Amino acid sequence: SPHPMVTTLQATIEGLGAYSVAEAARYARMPKATLNRWFFGTKAVEPMSRSRILDDHSKRISFTDFVEALAIRSLRADHGVPLQKIKEAIRNAKEHYHIEHPFARKDHRTVLVGKDLHIFLKEDAHNPVGLTGRDIGQKSMKPCIEAYMKDLDYDANGYAVLYRAFTFRDQIIELNPKIRFGAPCLAGSGYSAETLWRAAVTEGSIEKAAELYEVPAAAVEAAYRYWNQDSANAA
């Protein structure tokens, strides 16, 4: 099912997530300017992928776009795939296979073979086809690496619907577009990571904050560690 374009209001009402460029960049742990360029382009550069959210005035991206940003960041930082290749893969997925958001889909797992991107199509779950490089459109049997997908949960249509961003002991900070518009929250409690982090700072102790919000100390510590590593990266 293709994802139609939506306004910020629709995205908010339908629980699709609506992140400002600054929020998305902070949660994806990357520079704001980079994320802005990927989704909105510049005068000189076409965007890598277009945001699902169509408002002219506020630049916002949906949760699906955010997951795509995580994937692109992983391909760049962890695997050194050039931006040009990623752009080509997104374009070929759309043009040849009618797949939007190839990196946010469970049924179209995108994998690396060397430095080339390949995709598993639904029809043939065992043999990926090449999206970039010489192998375009050819079946490829080379061994592949799966990246960045272990922290995602998917809906019945195979779209990513939840991202586990950080774990400390048994406490998980997750982003779910249906809860608090997709801001990082403590799993199971609905408290935002920022609320618990602020409480720890204000109360001057993790234990006091945990008492105040009636959550385990490890939950406050998870939020505190997540948010601190966030601020360090955003600086």
C-alpha atoms as a PDB file:
ATOM      1  CA  SER A   1       0.000   0.000   0.000  1.00  0.00           C
ATOM      2  CA  PRO A   2       1.642   3.257  -1.088  1.00  0.00           C
ATOM      3  CA  HIS A   3       1.956   5.962   1.537  1.00  0.00           C
ATOM      4  CA  PRO A   4       0.044   9.050   0.325  1.00  0.00           C
ATOM      5  CA  MET A   5       1.271  12.564   1.081  1.00  0.00           C
ATOM      6  CA  VAL A   6      -0.273  14.211   4.150  1.00  0.00           C
ATOM      7  CA  THR A   7      -0.378  17.623   5.837  1.00  0.00           C
ATOM      8  CA  THR A   8       1.159  18.151   9.290  1.00  0.00           C
ATOM      9  CA  LEU A   9      -2.353  18.216  10.770  1.00  0.00           C
ATOM     10  CA  GLN A  10      -3.294  14.888   9.126  1.00  0.00           C
ATOM     11  CA  ALA A  11       0.015  13.336  10.221  1.00  0.00           C
ATOM     12  CA  THR A  12      -0.672  14.432  13.794  1.00  0.00           C
ATOM     13  CA  ILE A  13      -4.291  13.242  13.844  1.00  0.00           C
ATOM     14  CA  GLU A  14      -3.471   9.917  12.188  1.00  0.00           C
ATOM     15  CA  GLY A  15      -0.484   9.240  14.451  1.00  0.00           C
ATOM     16  CA  LEU A  16       2.065   9.194  11.630  1.00  0.00           C
ATOM     17  CA  GLY A  17       4.600  11.311  13.509  1.00  0.00           C
ATOM     18  CA  ALA A  18       5.457  14.888  12.549  1.00  0.00           C
ATOM     19  CA  TYR A  19       9.023  15.802  13.423  1.00  0.00           C
ATOM     20  CA  SER A  20      10.627  19.168  12.833  1.00  0.00           C
ATOM     21  CA  VAL A  21      14.031  18.940  11.151  1.00  0.00           C
ATOM     22  CA  ALA A  22      15.684  19.819  14.482  1.00  0.00           C
ATOM     23  CA  GLU A  23      13.807  17.095  16.408  1.00  0.00           C
ATOM     24  CA  ALA A  24      14.382  14.427  13.772  1.00  0.00           C
ATOM     25  CA  ALA A  25      18.081  15.297  13.551  1.00  0.00           C
ATOM     26  CA  ARG A  26      18.434  15.108  17.325  1.00  0.00           C
ATOM     27  CA  TYR A  27      16.666  11.738  17.561  1.00  0.00           C
ATOM     28  CA  ALA A  28      18.586  10.337  14.578  1.00  0.00           C
ATOM     29  CA  ARG A  29      21.848  11.665  16.055  1.00  0.00           C
ATOM     30  CA  MET A  30      22.933  13.630  13.028  1.00  0.00           C
ATOM     31  CA  PRO A  31      23.520  17.246  12.001  1.00  0.00           C
ATOM     32  CA  LYS A  32      20.377  19.277  11.299  1.00  0.00           C
ATOM     33  CA  ALA A  33      21.792  20.636   8.024  1.00  0.00           C
ATOM     34  CA  THR A  34      22.403  17.100   6.719  1.00  0.00           C
ATOM     35  CA  LEU A  35      18.880  15.912   7.464  1.00  0.00           C
ATOM     36  CA  ASN A  36      17.447  19.101   5.983  1.00  0.00           C
ATOM     37  CA  ARG A  37      19.442  18.545   2.781  1.00  0.00           C
ATOM     38  CA  TRP A  38      18.381  14.876   2.506  1.00  0.00           C
ATOM     39  CA  PHE A  39      14.647  15.622   2.684  1.00  0.00           C
ATOM     40  CA  PHE A  40      14.294  19.173   1.399  1.00  0.00           C
ATOM     41  CA  GLY A  41      17.339  19.634  -0.826  1.00  0.00           C
ATOM     42  CA  THR A  42      19.010  22.966  -1.568  1.00  0.00           C
ATOM     43  CA  LYS A  43      18.979  25.242  -4.612  1.00  0.00           C
ATOM     44  CA  ALA A  44      21.785  23.124  -6.036  1.00  0.00           C
ATOM     45  CA  VAL A  45      20.904  19.664  -4.707  1.00  0.00           C
ATOM     46  CA  GLU A  46      17.753  17.580  -5.197  1.00  0.00           C
ATOM     47  CA  PRO A  47      16.487  15.932  -1.998  1.00  0.00           C
ATOM     48  CA  MET A  48      17.530  12.330  -1.457  1.00  0.00           C
ATOM     49  CA  SER A  49      14.025  11.324  -0.403  1.00  0.00           C
ATOM     50  CA  ARG A  50      10.948  13.546  -0.165  1.00  0.00           C
ATOM     51  CA  SER A  51       9.090  14.050   3.087  1.00  0.00           C
ATOM     52  CA  ARG A  52       5.588  12.547   3.205  1.00  0.00           C
ATOM     53  CA  ILE A  53       4.401  15.753   4.880  1.00  0.00           C
ATOM     54  CA  LEU A  54       3.449  18.282   2.301  1.00  0.00           C
ATOM     55  CA  ASP A  55       3.139  21.620   4.139  1.00  0.00           C
ATOM     56  CA  ASP A  56       4.844  24.490   2.381  1.00  0.00           C
ATOM     57  CA  HIS A  57       5.606  26.482   5.481  1.00  0.00           C
ATOM     58  CA  SER A  58       6.779  24.048   8.121  1.00  0.00           C
ATOM     59  CA  LYS A  59       9.428  21.550   7.169  1.00  0.00           C
ATOM     60  CA  ARG A  60       8.377  18.338   8.890  1.00  0.00           C
ATOM     61  CA  ILE A  61       9.002  14.675   8.269  1.00  0.00           C
ATOM     62  CA  SER A  62       6.878  11.650   9.187  1.00  0.00           C
ATOM     63  CA  PHE A  63       7.973   8.638  11.236  1.00  0.00           C
ATOM     64  CA  THR A  64       8.490   6.643   8.014  1.00  0.00           C
ATOM     65  CA  ASP A  65      10.811   9.392   6.764  1.00  0.00           C
ATOM     66  CA  PHE A  66      12.593   9.377  10.113  1.00  0.00           C
ATOM     67  CA  VAL A  67      13.240   5.622   9.826  1.00  0.00           C
ATOM     68  CA  GLU A  68      14.580   6.219   6.332  1.00  0.00           C
ATOM     69  CA  ALA A  69      16.940   8.848   7.793  1.00  0.00           C
ATOM     70  CA  LEU A  70      18.190   6.289  10.356  1.00  0.00           C
ATOM     71  CA  ALA A  71      18.840   3.839   7.537  1.00  0.00           C
ATOM     72  CA  ILE A  72      20.632   6.383   5.366  1.00  0.00           C
ATOM     73  CA  ARG A  73      22.746   7.453   8.341  1.00  0.00           C
ATOM     74  CA  SER A  74      23.612   3.809   9.028  1.00  0.00           C
ATOM     75  CA  LEU A  75      24.516   3.171   5.380  1.00  0.00           C
ATOM     76  CA  ARG A  76      26.727   6.272   5.374  1.00  0.00           C
ATOM     77  CA  ALA A  77      28.350   6.027   8.811  1.00  0.00           C
ATOM     78  CA  ASP A  78      28.540   2.275   9.417  1.00  0.00           C
ATOM     79  CA  HIS A  79      29.031   1.007   5.871  1.00  0.00           C
ATOM     80  CA  GLY A  80      30.520   3.954   3.958  1.00  0.00           C
ATOM     81  CA  VAL A  81      27.960   3.782   1.133  1.00  0.00           C
ATOM     82  CA  PRO A  82      28.225   6.965  -0.961  1.00  0.00           C
ATOM     83  CA  LEU A  83      25.193   9.303  -0.952  1.00  0.00           C
ATOM     84  CA  GLN A  84      24.959   9.036  -4.740  1.00  0.00           C
ATOM     85  CA  LYS A  85      24.425   5.271  -4.440  1.00  0.00           C
ATOM     86  CA  ILE A  86      21.771   5.666  -1.773  1.00  0.00           C
ATOM     87  CA  LYS A  87      19.961   8.221  -3.918  1.00  0.00           C
ATOM     88  CA  GLU A  88      20.183   5.887  -6.926  1.00  0.00           C
ATOM     89  CA  ALA A  89      18.823   2.978  -4.846  1.00  0.00           C
ATOM     90  CA  ILE A  90      15.814   5.014  -3.664  1.00  0.00           C
ATOM     91  CA  ARG A  91      15.133   6.145  -7.232  1.00  0.00           C
ATOM     92  CA  ASN A  92      15.479   2.641  -8.727  1.00  0.00           C
ATOM     93  CA  ALA A  93      13.302   1.071  -6.018  1.00  0.00           C
ATOM     94  CA  LYS A  94      10.579   3.539  -6.977  1.00  0.00           C
ATOM     95  CA  GLU A  95      11.010   3.445 -10.763  1.00  0.00           C
ATOM     96  CA  HIS A  96      11.656  -0.278 -11.295  1.00  0.00           C
ATOM     97  CA  TYR A  97       9.743  -1.860  -8.428  1.00  0.00           C
ATOM     98  CA  HIS A  98       7.206   0.836  -7.357  1.00  0.00           C
ATOM     99  CA  ILE A  99       8.563   0.711  -3.814  1.00  0.00           C
ATOM    100  CA  GLU A 100       8.386   3.927  -1.796  1.00  0.00           C
ATOM    101  CA  HIS A 101      10.566   4.170   1.324  1.00  0.00           C
ATOM    102  CA  PRO A 102      12.534   0.977   0.619  1.00  0.00           C
ATOM    103  CA  PHE A 103      14.477   1.354   3.883  1.00  0.00           C
ATOM    104  CA  ALA A 104      11.395   1.495   6.129  1.00  0.00           C
ATOM    105  CA  ARG A 105       9.776  -1.717   4.912  1.00  0.00           C
ATOM    106  CA  LYS A 106      10.013  -5.195   6.361  1.00  0.00           C
ATOM    107  CA  ASP A 107       8.888  -7.011   3.224  1.00  0.00           C
ATOM    108  CA  HIS A 108      11.507  -5.246   1.093  1.00  0.00           C
ATOM    109  CA  ARG A 109      14.621  -5.669   3.187  1.00  0.00           C
ATOM    110  CA  THR A 110      17.462  -3.611   1.789  1.00  0.00           C
ATOM    111  CA  VAL A 111      20.904  -5.157   2.185  1.00  0.00           C
ATOM    112  CA  LEU A 112      24.459  -4.486   1.195  1.00  0.00           C
ATOM    113  CA  VAL A 113      26.585  -6.592  -1.088  1.00  0.00           C
ATOM    114  CA  GLY A 114      30.031  -5.035  -1.001  1.00  0.00           C
ATOM    115  CA  LYS A 115      29.233  -1.349  -1.477  1.00  0.00           C
ATOM    116  CA  ASP A 116      26.138  -1.969  -3.590  1.00  0.00           C
ATOM    117  CA  LEU A 117      22.574  -1.898  -2.350  1.00  0.00           C
ATOM    118  CA  HIS A 118      20.240  -4.802  -3.019  1.00  0.00           C
ATOM    119  CA  ILE A 119      16.630  -5.363  -2.102  1.00  0.00           C
ATOM    120  CA  PHE A 120      14.619  -8.475  -1.319  1.00  0.00           C
ATOM    121  CA  LEU A 121      11.315  -8.351  -3.178  1.00  0.00           C
ATOM    122  CA  LYS A 122       8.219  -9.922  -1.649  1.00  0.00           C
ATOM    123  CA  GLU A 123       7.931 -12.373  -4.552  1.00  0.00           C
ATOM    124  CA  ASP A 124      11.354 -13.885  -3.908  1.00  0.00           C
ATOM    125  CA  ALA A 125      12.393 -13.617  -0.281  1.00  0.00           C
ATOM    126  CA  HIS A 126      15.685 -15.491  -0.821  1.00  0.00           C
ATOM    127  CA  ASN A 127      17.378 -13.703  -3.707  1.00  0.00           C
ATOM    128  CA  PRO A 128      17.875  -9.955  -3.544  1.00  0.00           C
ATOM    129  CA  VAL A 129      17.935  -7.873  -6.739  1.00  0.00           C
ATOM    130  CA  GLY A 130      20.526  -5.144  -7.247  1.00  0.00           C
ATOM    131  CA  LEU A 131      19.445  -1.510  -6.876  1.00  0.00           C
ATOM    132  CA  THR A 132      22.841  -0.044  -7.680  1.00  0.00           C
ATOM    133  CA  GLY A 133      25.964  -1.174  -9.509  1.00  0.00           C
ATOM    134  CA  ARG A 134      26.366  -3.688 -12.327  1.00  0.00           C
ATOM    135  CA  ASP A 135      23.828  -6.039 -10.861  1.00  0.00           C
ATOM    136  CA  ILE A 136      20.819  -3.780 -11.414  1.00  0.00           C
ATOM    137  CA  GLY A 137      17.781  -5.913 -12.031  1.00  0.00           C
ATOM    138  CA  GLN A 138      19.837  -9.118 -11.928  1.00  0.00           C
ATOM    139  CA  LYS A 139      19.362 -11.706  -9.226  1.00  0.00           C
ATOM    140  CA  SER A 140      22.330 -11.715  -6.908  1.00  0.00           C
ATOM    141  CA  MET A 141      23.382 -14.627  -4.727  1.00  0.00           C
ATOM    142  CA  LYS A 142      26.251 -12.963  -2.858  1.00  0.00           C
ATOM    143  CA  PRO A 143      26.129 -12.952   0.945  1.00  0.00           C
ATOM    144  CA  CYS A 144      24.506  -9.841   2.405  1.00  0.00           C
ATOM    145  CA  ILE A 145      24.594  -7.753   5.536  1.00  0.00           C
ATOM    146  CA  GLU A 146      21.425  -6.641   7.268  1.00  0.00           C
ATOM    147  CA  ALA A 147      21.690  -3.256   8.912  1.00  0.00           C
ATOM    148  CA  TYR A 148      19.763  -1.163  11.429  1.00  0.00           C
ATOM    149  CA  MET A 149      16.542  -3.242  11.399  1.00  0.00           C
ATOM    150  CA  LYS A 150      16.788  -5.056  14.731  1.00  0.00           C
ATOM    151  CA  ASP A 151      15.465  -2.021  16.617  1.00  0.00           C
ATOM    152  CA  LEU A 152      12.285  -1.661  14.541  1.00  0.00           C
ATOM    153  CA  ASP A 153       8.795  -3.149  14.839  1.00  0.00           C
ATOM    154  CA  TYR A 154       6.491  -3.340  11.820  1.00  0.00           C
ATOM    155  CA  ASP A 155       2.746  -3.223  11.176  1.00  0.00           C
ATOM    156  CA  ALA A 156       0.684  -5.739   9.190  1.00  0.00           C
ATOM    157  CA  ASN A 157       1.604  -3.933   5.933  1.00  0.00           C
ATOM    158  CA  GLY A 158       5.306  -4.282   6.685  1.00  0.00           C
ATOM    159  CA  TYR A 159       5.926  -0.585   7.470  1.00  0.00           C
ATOM    160  CA  ALA A 160       8.103   0.353  10.443  1.00  0.00           C
ATOM    161  CA  VAL A 161       5.878   1.592  13.281  1.00  0.00           C
ATOM    162  CA  LEU A 162       8.174   1.690  16.308  1.00  0.00           C
ATOM    163  CA  TYR A 163      11.857   2.371  16.928  1.00  0.00           C
ATOM    164  CA  ARG A 164      13.665   1.242  20.082  1.00  0.00           C
ATOM    165  CA  ALA A 165      16.236   4.011  20.415  1.00  0.00           C
ATOM    166  CA  PHE A 166      17.973   3.141  23.672  1.00  0.00           C
ATOM    167  CA  THR A 167      18.024   0.386  26.288  1.00  0.00           C
ATOM    168  CA  PHE A 168      19.376   0.506  29.822  1.00  0.00           C
ATOM    169  CA  ARG A 169      18.953  -2.621  31.945  1.00  0.00           C
ATOM    170  CA  ASP A 170      15.399  -3.716  31.107  1.00  0.00           C
ATOM    171  CA  GLN A 171      14.123  -0.194  30.400  1.00  0.00           C
ATOM    172  CA  ILE A 172      13.574   0.893  26.807  1.00  0.00           C
ATOM    173  CA  ILE A 173      13.296   4.370  25.322  1.00  0.00           C
ATOM    174  CA  GLU A 174      11.238   4.086  22.142  1.00  0.00           C
ATOM    175  CA  LEU A 175       9.774   6.304  19.440  1.00  0.00           C
ATOM    176  CA  ASN A 176       6.207   5.433  18.516  1.00  0.00           C
ATOM    177  CA  PRO A 177       4.402   7.929  16.246  1.00  0.00           C
ATOM    178  CA  LYS A 178       1.107   7.129  17.991  1.00  0.00           C
ATOM    179  CA  ILE A 179       2.431   8.156  21.416  1.00  0.00           C
ATOM    180  CA  ARG A 180       3.283  11.801  22.107  1.00  0.00           C
ATOM    181  CA  PHE A 181       3.620  12.441  18.358  1.00  0.00           C
ATOM    182  CA  GLY A 182       6.652  10.161  18.190  1.00  0.00           C
ATOM    183  CA  ALA A 183       8.829  11.806  20.840  1.00  0.00           C
ATOM    184  CA  PRO A 184      11.170   9.412  22.707  1.00  0.00           C
ATOM    185  CA  CYS A 185       9.200   7.818  25.589  1.00  0.00           C
ATOM    186  CA  LEU A 186       9.737   5.215  28.244  1.00  0.00           C
ATOM    187  CA  ALA A 187       8.165   1.984  26.957  1.00  0.00           C
ATOM    188  CA  GLY A 188       5.084   0.981  28.897  1.00  0.00           C
ATOM    189  CA  SER A 189       4.717   4.217  30.879  1.00  0.00           C
ATOM    190  CA  GLY A 190       3.941   6.886  28.294  1.00  0.00           C
ATOM    191  CA  TYR A 191       6.282   9.340  30.061  1.00  0.00           C
ATOM    192  CA  SER A 192       8.551  11.154  27.673  1.00  0.00           C
ATOM    193  CA  ALA A 193      12.278  10.642  28.153  1.00  0.00           C
ATOM    194  CA  GLU A 194      12.617  14.415  28.436  1.00  0.00           C
ATOM    195  CA  THR A 195      10.100  14.579  31.338  1.00  0.00           C
ATOM    196  CA  LEU A 196      11.992  11.939  33.329  1.00  0.00           C
ATOM    197  CA  TRP A 197      15.350  13.493  32.496  1.00  0.00           C
ATOM    198  CA  ARG A 198      14.141  16.934  33.628  1.00  0.00           C
ATOM    199  CA  ALA A 199      12.744  15.429  36.826  1.00  0.00           C
ATOM    200  CA  ALA A 200      16.127  13.881  37.617  1.00  0.00           C
ATOM    201  CA  VAL A 201      17.848  17.215  37.042  1.00  0.00           C
ATOM    202  CA  THR A 202      15.247  19.207  39.039  1.00  0.00           C
ATOM    203  CA  GLU A 203      15.031  16.760  41.939  1.00  0.00           C
ATOM    204  CA  GLY A 204      18.792  16.408  41.970  1.00  0.00           C
ATOM    205  CA  SER A 205      18.596  12.628  42.069  1.00  0.00           C
ATOM    206  CA  ILE A 206      17.478   9.706  39.950  1.00  0.00           C
ATOM    207  CA  GLU A 207      15.856   7.987  42.975  1.00  0.00           C
ATOM    208  CA  LYS A 208      13.738  11.038  43.902  1.00  0.00           C
ATOM    209  CA  ALA A 209      12.565  11.450  40.309  1.00  0.00           C
ATOM    210  CA  ALA A 210      11.660   7.747  40.176  1.00  0.00           C
ATOM    211  CA  GLU A 211       9.600   8.107  43.378  1.00  0.00           C
ATOM    212  CA  LEU A 212       7.835  11.185  42.041  1.00  0.00           C
ATOM    213  CA  TYR A 213       6.791   9.471  38.807  1.00  0.00           C
ATOM    214  CA  GLU A 214       6.348   6.014  40.335  1.00  0.00           C
ATOM    215  CA  VAL A 215       8.679   4.308  37.891  1.00  0.00           C
ATOM    216  CA  PRO A 216      11.793   2.184  38.579  1.00  0.00           C
ATOM    217  CA  ALA A 217      15.045   4.094  39.123  1.00  0.00           C
ATOM    218  CA  ALA A 218      16.447   2.285  36.054  1.00  0.00           C
ATOM    219  CA  ALA A 219      13.699   3.934  33.961  1.00  0.00           C
ATOM    220  CA  VAL A 220      14.780   7.424  35.015  1.00  0.00           C
ATOM    221  CA  GLU A 221      18.400   6.446  34.491  1.00  0.00           C
ATOM    222  CA  ALA A 222      17.570   5.181  30.978  1.00  0.00           C
ATOM    223  CA  ALA A 223      15.909   8.522  30.158  1.00  0.00           C
ATOM    224  CA  TYR A 224      18.783  10.428  31.753  1.00  0.00           C
ATOM    225  CA  ARG A 225      21.460   8.533  29.821  1.00  0.00           C
ATOM    226  CA  TYR A 226      19.504   8.717  26.570  1.00  0.00           C
ATOM    227  CA  TRP A 227      18.927  12.448  26.873  1.00  0.00           C
ATOM    228  CA  ASN A 228      22.473  13.231  27.974  1.00  0.00           C
ATOM    229  CA  GLN A 229      23.983  11.337  25.090  1.00  0.00           C
ATOM    230  CA  ASP A 230      21.492  13.269  22.944  1.00  0.00           C
ATOM    231  CA  SER A 231      22.618  16.677  24.177  1.00  0.00           C
ATOM    232  CA  ALA A 232      26.260  15.704  23.789  1.00  0.00           C
ATOM    233  CA  ASN A 233      25.621  14.754  20.168  1.00  0.00           C
ATOM    234  CA  ALA A 234      23.503  17.796  19.397  1.00  0.00           C
ATOM    235  CA  ALA A 235      26.168  20.180  20.695  1.00  0.00           C
END
